[in-house]
Structure formats: structure tokens, C-alpha cells
N, C-alpha and C. Protein backbone atom coordinates (compact mmCIF):
# COMPACT_ATOMS: atom_id res chain seq x y z
N MET A 1 -53.36 -83.73 19.98
CA MET A 1 -53.22 -83.66 18.56
C MET A 1 -54.38 -82.93 17.93
N LEU A 2 -55.17 -82.33 18.73
CA LEU A 2 -56.28 -81.57 18.18
C LEU A 2 -55.76 -80.26 17.60
N GLY A 3 -56.37 -79.83 16.57
CA GLY A 3 -56.01 -78.55 15.97
C GLY A 3 -54.90 -78.65 14.94
N MET A 4 -54.33 -79.80 14.70
CA MET A 4 -53.28 -79.92 13.69
C MET A 4 -53.93 -80.27 12.35
N ASN A 5 -53.69 -79.44 11.43
CA ASN A 5 -54.23 -79.68 10.08
C ASN A 5 -53.13 -80.24 9.21
N HIS A 6 -53.38 -81.36 8.63
CA HIS A 6 -52.41 -81.95 7.73
C HIS A 6 -52.83 -81.66 6.31
N LYS A 7 -52.07 -80.77 5.70
CA LYS A 7 -52.34 -80.44 4.31
C LYS A 7 -51.20 -80.95 3.45
N ALA A 8 -51.56 -81.45 2.34
CA ALA A 8 -50.53 -81.92 1.41
C ALA A 8 -49.81 -80.71 0.82
N GLY A 9 -48.52 -80.87 0.65
CA GLY A 9 -47.73 -79.80 0.05
C GLY A 9 -48.08 -79.64 -1.42
N PRO A 10 -47.56 -78.60 -2.03
CA PRO A 10 -47.86 -78.39 -3.45
C PRO A 10 -47.29 -79.54 -4.29
N TYR A 11 -48.09 -80.01 -5.18
CA TYR A 11 -47.68 -81.11 -6.05
C TYR A 11 -46.97 -80.53 -7.27
N VAL A 12 -45.73 -80.90 -7.43
CA VAL A 12 -44.93 -80.38 -8.54
C VAL A 12 -44.98 -81.40 -9.66
N THR A 13 -45.49 -80.96 -10.81
CA THR A 13 -45.56 -81.83 -11.96
C THR A 13 -44.34 -81.62 -12.85
N PRO A 14 -43.91 -82.66 -13.51
CA PRO A 14 -42.78 -82.48 -14.44
C PRO A 14 -43.21 -81.58 -15.60
N MET A 15 -42.24 -80.90 -16.17
CA MET A 15 -42.55 -80.01 -17.29
C MET A 15 -42.99 -80.82 -18.50
N ASP A 16 -44.01 -80.35 -19.12
CA ASP A 16 -44.47 -80.99 -20.34
C ASP A 16 -43.96 -80.17 -21.52
N LEU A 17 -42.86 -80.61 -22.09
CA LEU A 17 -42.30 -79.92 -23.24
C LEU A 17 -42.90 -80.49 -24.51
N THR A 18 -43.30 -79.60 -25.39
CA THR A 18 -43.87 -80.02 -26.66
C THR A 18 -42.75 -80.23 -27.68
N THR A 19 -43.13 -80.75 -28.82
CA THR A 19 -42.16 -80.93 -29.90
C THR A 19 -41.58 -79.60 -30.33
N LEU A 20 -42.41 -78.56 -30.37
CA LEU A 20 -41.94 -77.23 -30.73
C LEU A 20 -40.90 -76.72 -29.73
N ASP A 21 -41.09 -77.02 -28.46
CA ASP A 21 -40.11 -76.61 -27.45
C ASP A 21 -38.76 -77.29 -27.69
N TYR A 22 -38.79 -78.58 -28.03
CA TYR A 22 -37.54 -79.28 -28.33
C TYR A 22 -36.86 -78.70 -29.56
N ILE A 23 -37.65 -78.31 -30.55
CA ILE A 23 -37.08 -77.70 -31.75
C ILE A 23 -36.44 -76.36 -31.41
N ARG A 24 -37.12 -75.55 -30.59
CA ARG A 24 -36.56 -74.26 -30.18
C ARG A 24 -35.26 -74.44 -29.40
N ILE A 25 -35.24 -75.40 -28.48
CA ILE A 25 -34.04 -75.65 -27.69
C ILE A 25 -32.90 -76.10 -28.61
N SER A 26 -33.20 -76.93 -29.58
CA SER A 26 -32.17 -77.41 -30.51
C SER A 26 -31.61 -76.28 -31.36
N ILE A 27 -32.48 -75.43 -31.88
CA ILE A 27 -32.02 -74.29 -32.69
C ILE A 27 -31.19 -73.34 -31.83
N GLY A 28 -31.62 -73.09 -30.60
CA GLY A 28 -30.86 -72.24 -29.69
C GLY A 28 -29.48 -72.82 -29.40
N ALA A 29 -29.41 -74.14 -29.24
CA ALA A 29 -28.11 -74.78 -28.99
C ALA A 29 -27.19 -74.65 -30.20
N VAL A 30 -27.76 -74.79 -31.40
CA VAL A 30 -26.95 -74.64 -32.62
C VAL A 30 -26.42 -73.20 -32.73
N ILE A 31 -27.25 -72.22 -32.42
CA ILE A 31 -26.81 -70.82 -32.46
C ILE A 31 -25.70 -70.59 -31.45
N LEU A 32 -25.86 -71.14 -30.24
CA LEU A 32 -24.82 -70.97 -29.22
C LEU A 32 -23.52 -71.67 -29.62
N LEU A 33 -23.62 -72.80 -30.30
CA LEU A 33 -22.42 -73.47 -30.80
C LEU A 33 -21.73 -72.63 -31.88
N TYR A 34 -22.51 -71.98 -32.73
CA TYR A 34 -21.93 -71.08 -33.74
C TYR A 34 -21.20 -69.91 -33.06
N VAL A 35 -21.82 -69.35 -32.03
CA VAL A 35 -21.19 -68.25 -31.30
C VAL A 35 -19.90 -68.73 -30.65
N ALA A 36 -19.92 -69.91 -30.05
CA ALA A 36 -18.70 -70.46 -29.44
C ALA A 36 -17.62 -70.67 -30.49
N ASN A 37 -18.00 -71.16 -31.66
CA ASN A 37 -17.03 -71.35 -32.74
C ASN A 37 -16.43 -70.01 -33.17
N CYS A 38 -17.27 -68.99 -33.28
CA CYS A 38 -16.76 -67.67 -33.65
C CYS A 38 -15.79 -67.13 -32.60
N LEU A 39 -16.11 -67.34 -31.34
CA LEU A 39 -15.23 -66.85 -30.28
C LEU A 39 -13.90 -67.59 -30.24
N VAL A 40 -13.95 -68.90 -30.42
CA VAL A 40 -12.72 -69.69 -30.35
C VAL A 40 -11.81 -69.39 -31.52
N ASN A 41 -12.38 -69.31 -32.72
CA ASN A 41 -11.56 -69.10 -33.92
C ASN A 41 -11.38 -67.64 -34.29
N GLN A 42 -12.09 -66.73 -33.60
CA GLN A 42 -12.01 -65.29 -33.88
C GLN A 42 -12.34 -64.99 -35.34
N ARG A 43 -13.34 -65.71 -35.87
CA ARG A 43 -13.79 -65.51 -37.24
C ARG A 43 -15.30 -65.49 -37.26
N VAL A 44 -15.85 -64.89 -38.30
CA VAL A 44 -17.30 -64.79 -38.44
C VAL A 44 -17.66 -65.03 -39.90
N TRP A 45 -18.84 -65.64 -40.13
CA TRP A 45 -19.28 -65.92 -41.49
C TRP A 45 -19.85 -64.65 -42.10
N ILE A 46 -19.32 -64.25 -43.26
CA ILE A 46 -19.75 -63.05 -43.97
C ILE A 46 -20.57 -63.49 -45.18
N ARG A 47 -21.84 -63.13 -45.17
CA ARG A 47 -22.72 -63.54 -46.28
C ARG A 47 -22.39 -62.79 -47.57
N LYS A 48 -21.91 -61.56 -47.43
CA LYS A 48 -21.62 -60.75 -48.61
C LYS A 48 -20.55 -61.40 -49.49
N THR A 49 -19.51 -61.91 -48.88
CA THR A 49 -18.44 -62.57 -49.63
C THR A 49 -18.58 -64.09 -49.61
N PHE A 50 -19.54 -64.59 -48.85
CA PHE A 50 -19.80 -66.02 -48.69
C PHE A 50 -18.53 -66.75 -48.27
N SER A 51 -17.88 -66.18 -47.23
CA SER A 51 -16.67 -66.79 -46.70
C SER A 51 -16.48 -66.33 -45.25
N TRP A 52 -15.50 -66.92 -44.59
CA TRP A 52 -15.20 -66.53 -43.23
C TRP A 52 -14.33 -65.28 -43.24
N GLY A 53 -14.62 -64.36 -42.33
CA GLY A 53 -13.81 -63.15 -42.17
C GLY A 53 -13.27 -63.07 -40.76
N THR A 54 -12.14 -62.46 -40.60
CA THR A 54 -11.54 -62.37 -39.27
C THR A 54 -12.18 -61.25 -38.46
N ARG A 55 -11.91 -61.29 -37.19
CA ARG A 55 -12.44 -60.28 -36.27
C ARG A 55 -11.89 -58.89 -36.62
N GLU A 56 -10.64 -58.85 -37.05
CA GLU A 56 -10.01 -57.56 -37.38
C GLU A 56 -10.59 -56.97 -38.66
N GLU A 57 -10.99 -57.81 -39.61
CA GLU A 57 -11.54 -57.32 -40.87
C GLU A 57 -12.96 -56.77 -40.69
N TYR A 58 -13.76 -57.42 -39.85
CA TYR A 58 -15.17 -57.05 -39.66
C TYR A 58 -15.49 -56.96 -38.18
N PRO A 59 -14.97 -55.95 -37.48
CA PRO A 59 -15.16 -55.90 -36.03
C PRO A 59 -16.62 -55.69 -35.60
N LYS A 60 -17.36 -54.86 -36.32
CA LYS A 60 -18.76 -54.61 -35.94
C LYS A 60 -19.62 -55.83 -36.19
N ILE A 61 -19.43 -56.50 -37.31
CA ILE A 61 -20.20 -57.70 -37.61
C ILE A 61 -19.87 -58.80 -36.61
N PHE A 62 -18.60 -58.92 -36.26
CA PHE A 62 -18.20 -59.91 -35.27
C PHE A 62 -18.89 -59.64 -33.94
N GLN A 63 -18.87 -58.40 -33.51
CA GLN A 63 -19.49 -58.04 -32.23
C GLN A 63 -21.00 -58.25 -32.26
N MET A 64 -21.65 -57.87 -33.36
CA MET A 64 -23.10 -58.06 -33.47
C MET A 64 -23.45 -59.55 -33.47
N ASN A 65 -22.65 -60.38 -34.14
CA ASN A 65 -22.89 -61.82 -34.15
C ASN A 65 -22.76 -62.42 -32.75
N ILE A 66 -21.76 -62.01 -32.01
CA ILE A 66 -21.54 -62.56 -30.67
C ILE A 66 -22.66 -62.13 -29.73
N ILE A 67 -22.96 -60.84 -29.70
CA ILE A 67 -23.99 -60.34 -28.78
C ILE A 67 -25.38 -60.84 -29.19
N GLY A 68 -25.71 -60.65 -30.46
CA GLY A 68 -27.03 -61.06 -30.94
C GLY A 68 -27.23 -62.56 -30.88
N GLY A 69 -26.22 -63.31 -31.29
CA GLY A 69 -26.33 -64.77 -31.25
C GLY A 69 -26.46 -65.30 -29.83
N SER A 70 -25.72 -64.69 -28.91
CA SER A 70 -25.82 -65.12 -27.51
C SER A 70 -27.20 -64.84 -26.94
N LEU A 71 -27.73 -63.66 -27.20
CA LEU A 71 -29.04 -63.31 -26.68
C LEU A 71 -30.14 -64.18 -27.27
N ILE A 72 -30.12 -64.34 -28.58
CA ILE A 72 -31.16 -65.15 -29.24
C ILE A 72 -31.03 -66.62 -28.83
N GLY A 73 -29.80 -67.13 -28.80
CA GLY A 73 -29.59 -68.53 -28.42
C GLY A 73 -30.03 -68.81 -26.99
N LEU A 74 -29.66 -67.93 -26.07
CA LEU A 74 -30.07 -68.11 -24.67
C LEU A 74 -31.58 -68.02 -24.52
N PHE A 75 -32.22 -67.08 -25.25
CA PHE A 75 -33.67 -66.95 -25.17
C PHE A 75 -34.35 -68.22 -25.68
N LEU A 76 -33.86 -68.76 -26.79
CA LEU A 76 -34.48 -69.97 -27.35
C LEU A 76 -34.30 -71.17 -26.43
N VAL A 77 -33.13 -71.27 -25.79
CA VAL A 77 -32.89 -72.42 -24.91
C VAL A 77 -33.65 -72.27 -23.60
N ALA A 78 -33.62 -71.08 -23.00
CA ALA A 78 -34.25 -70.89 -21.69
C ALA A 78 -35.74 -70.60 -21.76
N GLY A 79 -36.22 -70.16 -22.90
CA GLY A 79 -37.64 -69.78 -23.04
C GLY A 79 -38.64 -70.83 -22.61
N PRO A 80 -38.51 -72.06 -23.08
CA PRO A 80 -39.51 -73.07 -22.68
C PRO A 80 -39.54 -73.33 -21.17
N PHE A 81 -38.43 -73.09 -20.49
CA PHE A 81 -38.38 -73.33 -19.06
C PHE A 81 -38.89 -72.14 -18.25
N LEU A 82 -38.89 -70.96 -18.86
CA LEU A 82 -39.31 -69.75 -18.16
C LEU A 82 -40.78 -69.40 -18.37
N PHE A 83 -41.29 -69.73 -19.56
CA PHE A 83 -42.66 -69.30 -19.88
C PHE A 83 -43.60 -70.46 -19.99
């Protein structure tokens, strides 16, 4: 048994999430829920008219909301775990 070195493996600590991280995750989840609602109902909130508009009426705004909301929501939710 000579020559065997017993080294402890890397100690993995649980993530320490701050209150700000929980707020970011919550806001990201709300944004993703809004995106899911837009996709399911095929409608988007239009601030100009302060009402819901259909995908056919506002195709570019609908697409920007889906893509932008998905990216921002995923970044906010995954950010605390990645950085």
C-alpha cells in the first residue's frame, strides 16, 4: 500500500443565490409566461392602442416579442446558474 495517495475529491458547495438572483429568476419566468401566452393565443399586447392585437395584424411586433422575450427570459432565468 505504499505509494497510494489518498486525496479528497473536489468539494462541491451548493449555489448561494442572493435575493437579487431570485428576483431575476422570477422576472425571467414572468417574461417566459408572457411569451407562452402570446404563442398559445396568437396575440400580442400593443402599447400604441393599449389592447391585444392578433399575429396577422402585427406580424413583426409578434415576432419581435417572441424572439426577444424568449432570449431575455432565458437569460434572466439561466444567468444566475451560469455566472
